């Protein structure tokens, strides 16, 4: 395929791309309408604000909250790289799978309790898995999300890890010396509740 593309003249290549784009647009127009509402859900903690354009901002009030956008607003949101990254990471997600195809996004693993627990529990090399998820600690939204999510899952007894994995998590998130061991969190929280 690559060899065929390099042999095409520039004008032929442009024509081929135009045909593909027109086909893609016609496929999308069959399933969407300008009045469609796009529901976006969040796995992030806390209230998150999004600038749709210079005059419009919307907020999602934290984990599990849903935001309804017009198709135009959703297009404006997805066109911004900083928001598109959150969708690609599964921190924000569409309530209907058809929107991934419409906006040209690959459907990620949604960062739900079960999925995060499964990813971390089944990881053979936990530090490498964390590096992949956080882009070697440079993806601050994912770093923040995972630190809260791991603590939350530990307190709910959904995520149970052996001593070695707990140490890896503590070192990764620079929490050595802080009482954040998953088993310690349960004891700490139950102690506070009973007091």
N, C-alpha and C. Protein backbone atom coordinates (compact mmCIF):
# COMPACT_ATOMS: atom_id res chain seq x y z
N UNK A 1 0.84 -1.20 0.00
CA UNK A 1 0.00 0.00 0.00
C UNK A 1 0.88 1.25 0.00
N UNK A 2 1.93 1.25 0.85
CA UNK A 2 2.80 2.40 0.95
C UNK A 2 3.51 2.65 -0.38
N UNK A 3 3.94 1.56 -1.04
CA UNK A 3 4.61 1.69 -2.33
C UNK A 3 3.67 2.28 -3.37
N UNK A 4 2.39 1.85 -3.33
CA UNK A 4 1.40 2.38 -4.27
C UNK A 4 1.21 3.88 -4.06
N UNK A 5 1.17 4.31 -2.80
CA UNK A 5 0.98 5.73 -2.51
C UNK A 5 2.16 6.57 -2.98
N UNK A 6 3.37 6.04 -2.84
CA UNK A 6 4.54 6.81 -3.27
C UNK A 6 4.62 6.92 -4.78
N UNK A 7 4.02 5.98 -5.51
CA UNK A 7 4.04 6.01 -6.97
C UNK A 7 2.97 6.94 -7.55
N UNK A 8 1.97 7.30 -6.72
CA UNK A 8 0.92 8.19 -7.19
C UNK A 8 1.45 9.62 -7.35
N UNK A 9 0.91 10.29 -8.34
CA UNK A 9 1.22 11.71 -8.48
C UNK A 9 0.52 12.48 -7.36
N UNK A 10 1.02 13.66 -7.10
CA UNK A 10 0.46 14.48 -6.03
C UNK A 10 -1.04 14.72 -6.26
N UNK A 11 -1.43 15.02 -7.46
CA UNK A 11 -2.84 15.29 -7.76
C UNK A 11 -3.69 14.04 -7.55
N UNK A 12 -3.15 12.87 -7.91
CA UNK A 12 -3.89 11.62 -7.70
C UNK A 12 -4.05 11.32 -6.21
N UNK A 13 -3.02 11.60 -5.45
CA UNK A 13 -3.05 11.38 -4.02
C UNK A 13 -4.09 12.30 -3.36
N UNK A 14 -4.13 13.54 -3.78
CA UNK A 14 -5.11 14.49 -3.26
C UNK A 14 -6.52 14.02 -3.59
N UNK A 15 -6.72 13.56 -4.81
CA UNK A 15 -8.03 13.08 -5.23
C UNK A 15 -8.46 11.86 -4.41
N UNK A 16 -7.52 10.96 -4.17
CA UNK A 16 -7.80 9.77 -3.37
C UNK A 16 -8.20 10.16 -1.96
N UNK A 17 -7.48 11.09 -1.35
CA UNK A 17 -7.80 11.55 -0.01
C UNK A 17 -9.16 12.25 0.05
N UNK A 18 -9.48 13.03 -0.99
CA UNK A 18 -10.78 13.69 -1.05
C UNK A 18 -11.91 12.67 -1.09
N UNK A 19 -11.72 11.61 -1.89
CA UNK A 19 -12.75 10.56 -2.00
C UNK A 19 -12.95 9.86 -0.66
N UNK A 20 -11.85 9.56 0.03
CA UNK A 20 -11.95 8.91 1.33
C UNK A 20 -12.67 9.81 2.34
N UNK A 21 -12.33 11.10 2.32
CA UNK A 21 -12.95 12.05 3.22
C UNK A 21 -14.45 12.18 2.94
N UNK A 22 -14.82 12.27 1.66
CA UNK A 22 -16.23 12.37 1.30
C UNK A 22 -17.00 11.12 1.73
N UNK A 23 -16.40 9.95 1.55
CA UNK A 23 -17.05 8.71 1.96
C UNK A 23 -17.23 8.70 3.47
N UNK A 24 -16.20 9.10 4.19
CA UNK A 24 -16.26 9.14 5.64
C UNK A 24 -17.34 10.12 6.11
N UNK A 25 -17.41 11.28 5.49
CA UNK A 25 -18.42 12.28 5.85
C UNK A 25 -19.83 11.77 5.56
N UNK A 26 -20.01 11.08 4.43
CA UNK A 26 -21.34 10.56 4.10
C UNK A 26 -21.73 9.45 5.06
N UNK A 27 -20.76 8.62 5.49
CA UNK A 27 -21.05 7.59 6.48
C UNK A 27 -21.52 8.22 7.78
N UNK A 28 -20.86 9.30 8.18
CA UNK A 28 -21.20 9.96 9.43
C UNK A 28 -22.54 10.69 9.35
N UNK A 29 -22.83 11.27 8.21
CA UNK A 29 -24.07 12.04 8.09
C UNK A 29 -25.30 11.14 8.17
N UNK A 30 -25.14 9.85 7.87
CA UNK A 30 -26.26 8.93 7.97
C UNK A 30 -26.68 8.70 9.41
N UNK A 31 -25.75 8.81 10.35
CA UNK A 31 -26.03 8.44 11.73
C UNK A 31 -26.13 9.63 12.68
N UNK A 32 -25.81 10.83 12.21
CA UNK A 32 -25.84 11.97 13.11
C UNK A 32 -26.68 13.10 12.54
N UNK A 33 -27.11 13.95 13.44
CA UNK A 33 -27.91 15.10 13.08
C UNK A 33 -27.37 16.28 13.88
N UNK A 34 -27.42 17.45 13.32
CA UNK A 34 -26.88 18.64 13.98
C UNK A 34 -27.53 18.85 15.35
N UNK A 35 -28.74 18.38 15.54
CA UNK A 35 -29.43 18.55 16.81
C UNK A 35 -29.12 17.44 17.82
N UNK A 36 -28.29 16.48 17.43
CA UNK A 36 -27.92 15.40 18.34
C UNK A 36 -27.25 15.96 19.60
N UNK A 37 -27.48 15.26 20.69
CA UNK A 37 -26.85 15.62 21.96
C UNK A 37 -25.77 14.57 22.23
N UNK A 38 -24.60 15.05 22.59
CA UNK A 38 -23.48 14.17 22.90
C UNK A 38 -23.29 14.20 24.41
N UNK A 39 -23.38 13.02 25.03
CA UNK A 39 -23.19 12.93 26.48
C UNK A 39 -21.75 12.50 26.76
N UNK A 40 -21.08 13.32 27.55
CA UNK A 40 -19.69 13.07 27.95
C UNK A 40 -19.70 12.78 29.44
N UNK A 41 -19.01 11.71 29.83
CA UNK A 41 -18.90 11.36 31.24
C UNK A 41 -17.46 11.50 31.70
N UNK A 42 -17.29 11.63 33.00
CA UNK A 42 -15.97 11.89 33.56
C UNK A 42 -15.58 10.84 34.59
N UNK A 43 -14.30 10.48 34.59
CA UNK A 43 -13.71 9.66 35.65
C UNK A 43 -12.80 10.50 36.53
N UNK A 44 -12.70 11.78 36.24
CA UNK A 44 -11.81 12.67 36.99
C UNK A 44 -12.41 13.02 38.33
N UNK A 45 -11.56 13.41 39.27
CA UNK A 45 -12.01 13.79 40.60
C UNK A 45 -12.16 15.31 40.67
N UNK A 46 -13.21 15.77 41.30
CA UNK A 46 -13.42 17.21 41.44
C UNK A 46 -14.11 17.81 40.23
N UNK A 47 -14.46 19.07 40.34
CA UNK A 47 -15.12 19.79 39.25
C UNK A 47 -14.08 20.19 38.21
N UNK A 48 -14.37 19.91 36.96
CA UNK A 48 -13.47 20.21 35.86
C UNK A 48 -14.18 21.17 34.91
N UNK A 49 -13.51 22.26 34.55
CA UNK A 49 -14.07 23.22 33.62
C UNK A 49 -13.48 23.07 32.23
N UNK A 50 -14.31 23.24 31.22
CA UNK A 50 -13.88 23.13 29.83
C UNK A 50 -14.30 24.38 29.07
N UNK A 51 -13.36 24.96 28.37
CA UNK A 51 -13.68 26.10 27.51
C UNK A 51 -14.08 25.57 26.14
N UNK A 52 -15.33 25.76 25.78
CA UNK A 52 -15.82 25.32 24.48
C UNK A 52 -15.31 26.29 23.41
N UNK A 53 -15.52 27.54 23.66
CA UNK A 53 -14.97 28.61 22.81
C UNK A 53 -14.74 29.80 23.73
N UNK A 54 -14.39 30.94 23.16
CA UNK A 54 -14.03 32.08 24.02
C UNK A 54 -15.19 32.59 24.88
N UNK A 55 -16.43 32.25 24.51
CA UNK A 55 -17.58 32.73 25.26
C UNK A 55 -18.31 31.67 26.08
N UNK A 56 -17.97 30.40 25.87
CA UNK A 56 -18.72 29.32 26.52
C UNK A 56 -17.81 28.38 27.29
N UNK A 57 -18.16 28.18 28.54
CA UNK A 57 -17.46 27.20 29.37
C UNK A 57 -18.50 26.27 29.98
N UNK A 58 -18.12 25.04 30.18
CA UNK A 58 -19.00 24.06 30.81
C UNK A 58 -18.19 23.35 31.89
N UNK A 59 -18.89 22.75 32.84
CA UNK A 59 -18.20 22.02 33.90
C UNK A 59 -18.77 20.62 34.05
N UNK A 60 -17.91 19.73 34.50
CA UNK A 60 -18.32 18.38 34.90
C UNK A 60 -17.99 18.30 36.38
N UNK A 61 -18.97 17.91 37.17
CA UNK A 61 -18.81 17.96 38.63
C UNK A 61 -18.16 16.71 39.22
N UNK A 62 -17.27 16.10 38.51
CA UNK A 62 -16.49 15.00 39.08
C UNK A 62 -16.88 13.65 38.58
N UNK A 63 -16.32 12.66 39.24
CA UNK A 63 -16.43 11.27 38.83
C UNK A 63 -17.87 10.83 38.65
N UNK A 64 -18.16 10.31 37.47
CA UNK A 64 -19.49 9.79 37.18
C UNK A 64 -20.46 10.83 36.66
N UNK A 65 -20.11 12.11 36.76
CA UNK A 65 -21.01 13.15 36.29
C UNK A 65 -21.09 13.11 34.77
N UNK A 66 -22.22 13.55 34.24
CA UNK A 66 -22.44 13.55 32.80
C UNK A 66 -22.66 14.98 32.32
N UNK A 67 -22.13 15.26 31.16
CA UNK A 67 -22.23 16.58 30.56
C UNK A 67 -22.91 16.42 29.21
N UNK A 68 -23.95 17.19 28.94
CA UNK A 68 -24.60 17.12 27.64
C UNK A 68 -24.16 18.30 26.79
N UNK A 69 -23.71 17.98 25.58
CA UNK A 69 -23.22 18.99 24.65
C UNK A 69 -23.97 18.87 23.33
N UNK A 70 -24.13 20.00 22.66
CA UNK A 70 -24.64 19.92 21.29
C UNK A 70 -23.52 19.34 20.43
N UNK A 71 -23.84 18.89 19.25
CA UNK A 71 -22.83 18.33 18.35
C UNK A 71 -21.77 19.39 18.02
N UNK A 72 -22.20 20.62 17.85
CA UNK A 72 -21.26 21.72 17.57
C UNK A 72 -20.31 21.93 18.75
N UNK A 73 -20.85 21.96 19.97
CA UNK A 73 -20.01 22.13 21.15
C UNK A 73 -19.03 20.97 21.30
N UNK A 74 -19.51 19.75 21.07
CA UNK A 74 -18.64 18.58 21.17
C UNK A 74 -17.51 18.66 20.15
N UNK A 75 -17.82 19.10 18.93
CA UNK A 75 -16.78 19.28 17.90
C UNK A 75 -15.74 20.29 18.36
N UNK A 76 -16.19 21.39 18.95
CA UNK A 76 -15.26 22.40 19.44
C UNK A 76 -14.40 21.86 20.57
N UNK A 77 -14.99 21.08 21.46
CA UNK A 77 -14.25 20.50 22.58
C UNK A 77 -13.19 19.52 22.07
N UNK A 78 -13.59 18.62 21.20
CA UNK A 78 -12.68 17.58 20.69
C UNK A 78 -11.57 18.20 19.84
N UNK A 79 -11.81 19.33 19.25
CA UNK A 79 -10.78 19.94 18.40
C UNK A 79 -9.61 20.49 19.21
N UNK A 80 -9.78 20.61 20.51
CA UNK A 80 -8.70 21.10 21.38
C UNK A 80 -7.89 19.91 21.90
N UNK A 81 -6.59 19.94 21.63
CA UNK A 81 -5.71 18.83 21.97
C UNK A 81 -5.77 18.45 23.45
N UNK A 82 -5.82 19.45 24.33
CA UNK A 82 -5.79 19.17 25.77
C UNK A 82 -7.00 18.36 26.22
N UNK A 83 -8.14 18.51 25.53
CA UNK A 83 -9.32 17.74 25.89
C UNK A 83 -9.34 16.40 25.16
N UNK A 84 -8.86 16.40 23.93
CA UNK A 84 -8.80 15.17 23.14
C UNK A 84 -7.95 14.12 23.86
N UNK A 85 -6.88 14.56 24.50
CA UNK A 85 -5.99 13.65 25.24
C UNK A 85 -6.75 12.97 26.38
N UNK A 86 -7.63 13.71 27.05
CA UNK A 86 -8.40 13.13 28.15
C UNK A 86 -9.35 12.04 27.65
N UNK A 87 -9.89 12.22 26.45
CA UNK A 87 -10.73 11.18 25.84
C UNK A 87 -9.88 9.97 25.45
N UNK A 88 -8.74 10.22 24.86
CA UNK A 88 -7.85 9.14 24.43
C UNK A 88 -7.37 8.30 25.61
N UNK A 89 -7.28 8.90 26.78
CA UNK A 89 -6.81 8.20 27.97
C UNK A 89 -7.94 7.51 28.74
N UNK A 90 -9.18 7.77 28.37
CA UNK A 90 -10.31 7.16 29.07
C UNK A 90 -10.71 7.90 30.34
N UNK A 91 -10.14 9.09 30.54
CA UNK A 91 -10.52 9.89 31.72
C UNK A 91 -11.85 10.60 31.48
N UNK A 92 -12.08 11.00 30.24
CA UNK A 92 -13.39 11.45 29.79
C UNK A 92 -13.85 10.42 28.76
N UNK A 93 -15.15 10.19 28.67
CA UNK A 93 -15.62 9.21 27.70
C UNK A 93 -17.04 9.54 27.26
N UNK A 94 -17.38 9.04 26.08
CA UNK A 94 -18.72 9.24 25.53
C UNK A 94 -19.64 8.15 26.07
N UNK A 95 -20.89 8.51 26.33
CA UNK A 95 -21.83 7.50 26.81
C UNK A 95 -22.29 6.59 25.66
N UNK A 96 -22.11 7.04 24.42
CA UNK A 96 -22.44 6.22 23.25
C UNK A 96 -21.18 6.00 22.42
N UNK A 97 -20.92 4.74 22.10
CA UNK A 97 -19.71 4.38 21.35
C UNK A 97 -19.65 5.01 19.95
N UNK A 98 -20.79 5.31 19.36
CA UNK A 98 -20.79 5.85 17.99
C UNK A 98 -20.01 7.16 17.88
N UNK A 99 -19.88 7.90 18.98
CA UNK A 99 -19.19 9.19 18.93
C UNK A 99 -17.68 9.03 18.73
N UNK A 100 -17.14 7.91 19.15
CA UNK A 100 -15.70 7.69 18.92
C UNK A 100 -15.41 7.66 17.43
N UNK A 101 -16.23 6.93 16.69
CA UNK A 101 -16.04 6.87 15.23
C UNK A 101 -16.30 8.24 14.61
N UNK A 102 -17.35 8.89 15.04
CA UNK A 102 -17.71 10.19 14.47
C UNK A 102 -16.57 11.20 14.63
N UNK A 103 -15.96 11.23 15.81
CA UNK A 103 -14.89 12.20 16.07
C UNK A 103 -13.51 11.68 15.69
N UNK A 104 -13.45 10.47 15.14
CA UNK A 104 -12.18 9.92 14.69
C UNK A 104 -11.26 9.53 15.83
N UNK A 105 -11.83 9.08 16.94
CA UNK A 105 -11.05 8.68 18.10
C UNK A 105 -11.10 7.17 18.27
N UNK A 106 -9.99 6.62 18.70
CA UNK A 106 -9.96 5.20 19.07
C UNK A 106 -10.60 5.08 20.45
N UNK A 107 -11.51 4.11 20.60
CA UNK A 107 -12.15 3.95 21.92
C UNK A 107 -11.14 3.35 22.88
N UNK A 108 -10.81 4.09 23.94
CA UNK A 108 -9.81 3.61 24.91
C UNK A 108 -10.44 2.69 25.95
N UNK A 109 -9.61 2.17 26.81
CA UNK A 109 -10.10 1.48 28.00
C UNK A 109 -10.59 2.58 28.94
N UNK A 110 -11.84 2.53 29.30
CA UNK A 110 -12.41 3.53 30.19
C UNK A 110 -11.85 3.28 31.60
N UNK A 111 -11.41 4.31 32.25
CA UNK A 111 -10.75 4.18 33.55
C UNK A 111 -11.75 4.02 34.69
N UNK A 112 -12.55 2.96 34.60
CA UNK A 112 -13.52 2.64 35.66
C UNK A 112 -12.79 1.91 36.79
N UNK A 113 -13.49 1.74 37.91
CA UNK A 113 -12.90 1.03 39.05
C UNK A 113 -12.41 -0.36 38.63
N UNK A 114 -13.28 -1.11 37.96
CA UNK A 114 -12.92 -2.48 37.56
C UNK A 114 -11.75 -2.51 36.60
N UNK A 115 -11.75 -1.61 35.61
CA UNK A 115 -10.66 -1.61 34.63
C UNK A 115 -9.32 -1.21 35.24
N UNK A 116 -9.32 -0.21 36.10
CA UNK A 116 -8.06 0.21 36.75
C UNK A 116 -7.55 -0.91 37.64
N UNK A 117 -8.45 -1.52 38.39
CA UNK A 117 -8.06 -2.63 39.26
C UNK A 117 -7.47 -3.78 38.45
N UNK A 118 -8.11 -4.10 37.35
CA UNK A 118 -7.63 -5.19 36.48
C UNK A 118 -6.26 -4.86 35.88
N UNK A 119 -6.10 -3.65 35.39
CA UNK A 119 -4.83 -3.23 34.78
C UNK A 119 -3.69 -3.35 35.80
N UNK A 120 -3.91 -2.83 37.00
CA UNK A 120 -2.86 -2.82 38.02
C UNK A 120 -2.61 -4.21 38.61
N UNK A 121 -3.67 -4.96 38.84
CA UNK A 121 -3.53 -6.28 39.45
C UNK A 121 -2.86 -7.28 38.50
N UNK A 122 -3.19 -7.18 37.22
CA UNK A 122 -2.67 -8.16 36.25
C UNK A 122 -1.34 -7.75 35.64
N UNK A 123 -0.85 -6.58 35.97
CA UNK A 123 0.40 -6.10 35.40
C UNK A 123 1.57 -6.95 35.89
N UNK A 124 2.38 -7.39 34.94
CA UNK A 124 3.58 -8.16 35.28
C UNK A 124 4.70 -7.21 35.70
N UNK A 125 4.81 -6.09 35.01
CA UNK A 125 5.81 -5.07 35.35
C UNK A 125 5.03 -3.79 35.68
N UNK A 126 4.69 -3.61 36.94
CA UNK A 126 3.82 -2.52 37.37
C UNK A 126 4.41 -1.15 37.06
N UNK A 127 5.70 -0.96 37.28
CA UNK A 127 6.31 0.35 37.01
C UNK A 127 6.22 0.69 35.53
N UNK A 128 6.43 -0.28 34.67
CA UNK A 128 6.32 -0.05 33.22
C UNK A 128 4.88 0.29 32.83
N UNK A 129 3.93 -0.40 33.44
CA UNK A 129 2.51 -0.12 33.19
C UNK A 129 2.17 1.30 33.61
N UNK A 130 2.62 1.70 34.80
CA UNK A 130 2.37 3.06 35.27
C UNK A 130 3.03 4.09 34.35
N UNK A 131 4.25 3.79 33.87
CA UNK A 131 4.93 4.69 32.93
C UNK A 131 4.13 4.84 31.64
N UNK A 132 3.57 3.75 31.16
CA UNK A 132 2.77 3.82 29.92
C UNK A 132 1.51 4.65 30.14
N UNK A 133 0.85 4.44 31.26
CA UNK A 133 -0.39 5.17 31.54
C UNK A 133 -0.14 6.66 31.74
N UNK A 134 0.97 7.00 32.39
CA UNK A 134 1.24 8.39 32.75
C UNK A 134 2.22 9.08 31.80
N UNK A 135 2.58 8.39 30.73
CA UNK A 135 3.57 8.92 29.79
C UNK A 135 4.84 9.33 30.55
N UNK A 136 5.34 8.38 31.31
CA UNK A 136 6.56 8.56 32.13
C UNK A 136 6.42 9.76 33.07
N UNK A 137 5.28 9.82 33.73
CA UNK A 137 4.96 10.85 34.74
C UNK A 137 4.74 12.25 34.16
N UNK A 138 4.69 12.39 32.85
CA UNK A 138 4.48 13.73 32.27
C UNK A 138 3.00 14.06 32.05
N UNK A 139 2.11 13.08 32.16
CA UNK A 139 0.68 13.29 31.97
C UNK A 139 0.06 13.52 33.35
N UNK A 140 0.07 14.78 33.79
CA UNK A 140 -0.32 15.12 35.16
C UNK A 140 -1.76 14.74 35.49
N UNK A 141 -2.67 14.84 34.53
CA UNK A 141 -4.07 14.47 34.80
C UNK A 141 -4.16 12.99 35.16
N UNK A 142 -3.40 12.15 34.47
CA UNK A 142 -3.41 10.71 34.76
C UNK A 142 -2.69 10.42 36.08
N UNK A 143 -1.61 11.14 36.36
CA UNK A 143 -0.91 10.96 37.64
C UNK A 143 -1.86 11.25 38.80
N UNK A 144 -2.56 12.37 38.72
CA UNK A 144 -3.51 12.77 39.75
C UNK A 144 -4.64 11.74 39.87
N UNK A 145 -5.18 11.37 38.72
CA UNK A 145 -6.28 10.40 38.70
C UNK A 145 -5.87 9.08 39.35
N UNK A 146 -4.72 8.53 38.92
CA UNK A 146 -4.29 7.23 39.44
C UNK A 146 -3.98 7.27 40.94
N UNK A 147 -3.37 8.34 41.40
CA UNK A 147 -3.06 8.40 42.84
C UNK A 147 -4.34 8.37 43.67
N UNK A 148 -5.36 9.11 43.25
CA UNK A 148 -6.64 9.08 43.96
C UNK A 148 -7.35 7.75 43.77
N UNK A 149 -7.33 7.25 42.55
CA UNK A 149 -8.04 6.01 42.23
C UNK A 149 -7.47 4.82 43.01
N UNK A 150 -6.14 4.73 43.08
CA UNK A 150 -5.51 3.63 43.80
C UNK A 150 -5.89 3.68 45.28
N UNK A 151 -5.85 4.87 45.87
CA UNK A 151 -6.25 5.02 47.27
C UNK A 151 -7.72 4.66 47.46
N UNK A 152 -8.57 5.12 46.56
CA UNK A 152 -10.00 4.83 46.66
C UNK A 152 -10.28 3.33 46.54
N UNK A 153 -9.64 2.69 45.55
CA UNK A 153 -9.86 1.26 45.36
C UNK A 153 -9.34 0.45 46.54
N UNK A 154 -8.26 0.92 47.14
CA UNK A 154 -7.73 0.25 48.33
C UNK A 154 -8.69 0.34 49.50
N UNK A 155 -9.30 1.50 49.69
CA UNK A 155 -10.22 1.67 50.81
C UNK A 155 -11.52 0.88 50.59
N UNK A 156 -11.87 0.62 49.35
CA UNK A 156 -13.07 -0.16 49.05
C UNK A 156 -12.79 -1.66 48.98
N UNK A 157 -11.54 -2.05 49.22
CA UNK A 157 -11.10 -3.44 49.11
C UNK A 157 -11.30 -4.02 47.72
N UNK A 158 -11.30 -3.17 46.71
CA UNK A 158 -11.40 -3.63 45.32
C UNK A 158 -10.02 -3.97 44.79
N UNK A 159 -9.02 -3.21 45.21
CA UNK A 159 -7.65 -3.41 44.76
C UNK A 159 -6.82 -3.93 45.92
N UNK A 160 -6.35 -5.14 45.78
CA UNK A 160 -5.50 -5.71 46.81
C UNK A 160 -4.20 -6.14 46.14
N UNK A 161 -3.10 -5.65 46.67
CA UNK A 161 -1.79 -5.91 46.07
C UNK A 161 -0.84 -6.46 47.12
N UNK A 162 0.12 -7.21 46.62
CA UNK A 162 1.13 -7.73 47.53
C UNK A 162 2.08 -6.60 47.94
N UNK A 163 2.94 -6.92 48.88
CA UNK A 163 3.86 -5.94 49.45
C UNK A 163 4.74 -5.29 48.39
N UNK A 164 5.27 -6.09 47.46
CA UNK A 164 6.16 -5.55 46.42
C UNK A 164 5.44 -4.54 45.52
N UNK A 165 4.23 -4.86 45.12
CA UNK A 165 3.48 -3.92 44.27
C UNK A 165 3.13 -2.65 45.03
N UNK A 166 2.82 -2.78 46.31
CA UNK A 166 2.53 -1.59 47.12
C UNK A 166 3.75 -0.69 47.20
N UNK A 167 4.93 -1.29 47.36
CA UNK A 167 6.17 -0.50 47.40
C UNK A 167 6.41 0.21 46.07
N UNK A 168 6.15 -0.47 44.97
CA UNK A 168 6.33 0.15 43.65
C UNK A 168 5.41 1.37 43.51
N UNK A 169 4.17 1.22 43.94
CA UNK A 169 3.21 2.33 43.86
C UNK A 169 3.67 3.49 44.75
N UNK A 170 4.09 3.20 45.97
CA UNK A 170 4.55 4.25 46.87
C UNK A 170 5.73 5.01 46.28
N UNK A 171 6.69 4.28 45.73
CA UNK A 171 7.86 4.93 45.13
C UNK A 171 7.46 5.72 43.89
N UNK A 172 6.59 5.15 43.09
CA UNK A 172 6.20 5.80 41.84
C UNK A 172 5.52 7.15 42.11
N UNK A 173 4.65 7.17 43.09
CA UNK A 173 3.92 8.40 43.41
C UNK A 173 4.58 9.20 44.53
N UNK A 174 5.81 8.84 44.87
CA UNK A 174 6.61 9.54 45.89
C UNK A 174 5.87 9.68 47.21
N UNK A 175 5.34 8.57 47.69
CA UNK A 175 4.61 8.60 48.96
C UNK A 175 5.27 7.72 50.01
N UNK A 176 6.57 7.41 49.84
CA UNK A 176 7.25 6.61 50.85
C UNK A 176 7.22 7.36 52.19
N UNK A 177 6.99 6.62 53.24
CA UNK A 177 6.97 7.24 54.56
C UNK A 177 5.62 7.81 54.94
N UNK A 178 4.72 7.92 53.97
CA UNK A 178 3.37 8.41 54.25
C UNK A 178 2.51 7.16 54.42
N UNK A 179 1.63 7.13 55.40
CA UNK A 179 0.84 5.90 55.62
C UNK A 179 -0.21 5.68 54.54
N UNK A 180 0.23 5.28 53.35
CA UNK A 180 -0.71 5.07 52.26
C UNK A 180 -0.79 3.64 51.79
N UNK A 181 -0.15 2.73 52.50
CA UNK A 181 -0.28 1.32 52.11
C UNK A 181 -1.77 1.02 52.01
N UNK A 182 -2.13 0.27 51.01
CA UNK A 182 -3.54 0.01 50.78
C UNK A 182 -4.20 -0.60 52.02
N UNK A 183 -3.51 -1.53 52.67
CA UNK A 183 -4.08 -2.12 53.88
C UNK A 183 -4.10 -1.11 55.01
N UNK A 184 -3.10 -0.22 55.06
CA UNK A 184 -3.05 0.81 56.09
C UNK A 184 -4.17 1.82 55.91
N UNK A 185 -4.52 2.10 54.66
CA UNK A 185 -5.61 3.05 54.40
C UNK A 185 -6.91 2.54 54.99
N UNK A 186 -7.16 1.26 54.82
CA UNK A 186 -8.39 0.69 55.37
C UNK A 186 -8.41 0.84 56.88
N UNK A 187 -7.30 0.51 57.53
CA UNK A 187 -7.21 0.61 58.98
C UNK A 187 -7.37 2.05 59.43
N UNK A 188 -6.71 2.97 58.73
CA UNK A 188 -6.76 4.37 59.07
C UNK A 188 -8.19 4.91 58.95
N UNK A 189 -8.86 4.59 57.85
CA UNK A 189 -10.23 5.07 57.65
C UNK A 189 -11.21 4.45 58.65
N UNK A 190 -11.09 3.15 58.90
CA UNK A 190 -12.00 2.51 59.85
C UNK A 190 -11.76 3.02 61.26
N UNK A 191 -10.49 3.36 61.58
CA UNK A 191 -10.16 3.92 62.87
C UNK A 191 -10.81 5.29 63.04
N UNK A 192 -10.77 6.11 61.98
CA UNK A 192 -11.38 7.45 62.05
C UNK A 192 -12.90 7.36 62.17
N UNK A 193 -13.48 6.39 61.49
CA UNK A 193 -14.93 6.25 61.51
C UNK A 193 -15.41 5.81 62.89
N UNK A 194 -14.66 4.90 63.52
CA UNK A 194 -15.07 4.40 64.82
C UNK A 194 -14.83 5.39 65.96
N UNK A 195 -13.99 6.40 65.73
CA UNK A 195 -13.67 7.37 66.79
C UNK A 195 -14.77 8.38 66.99
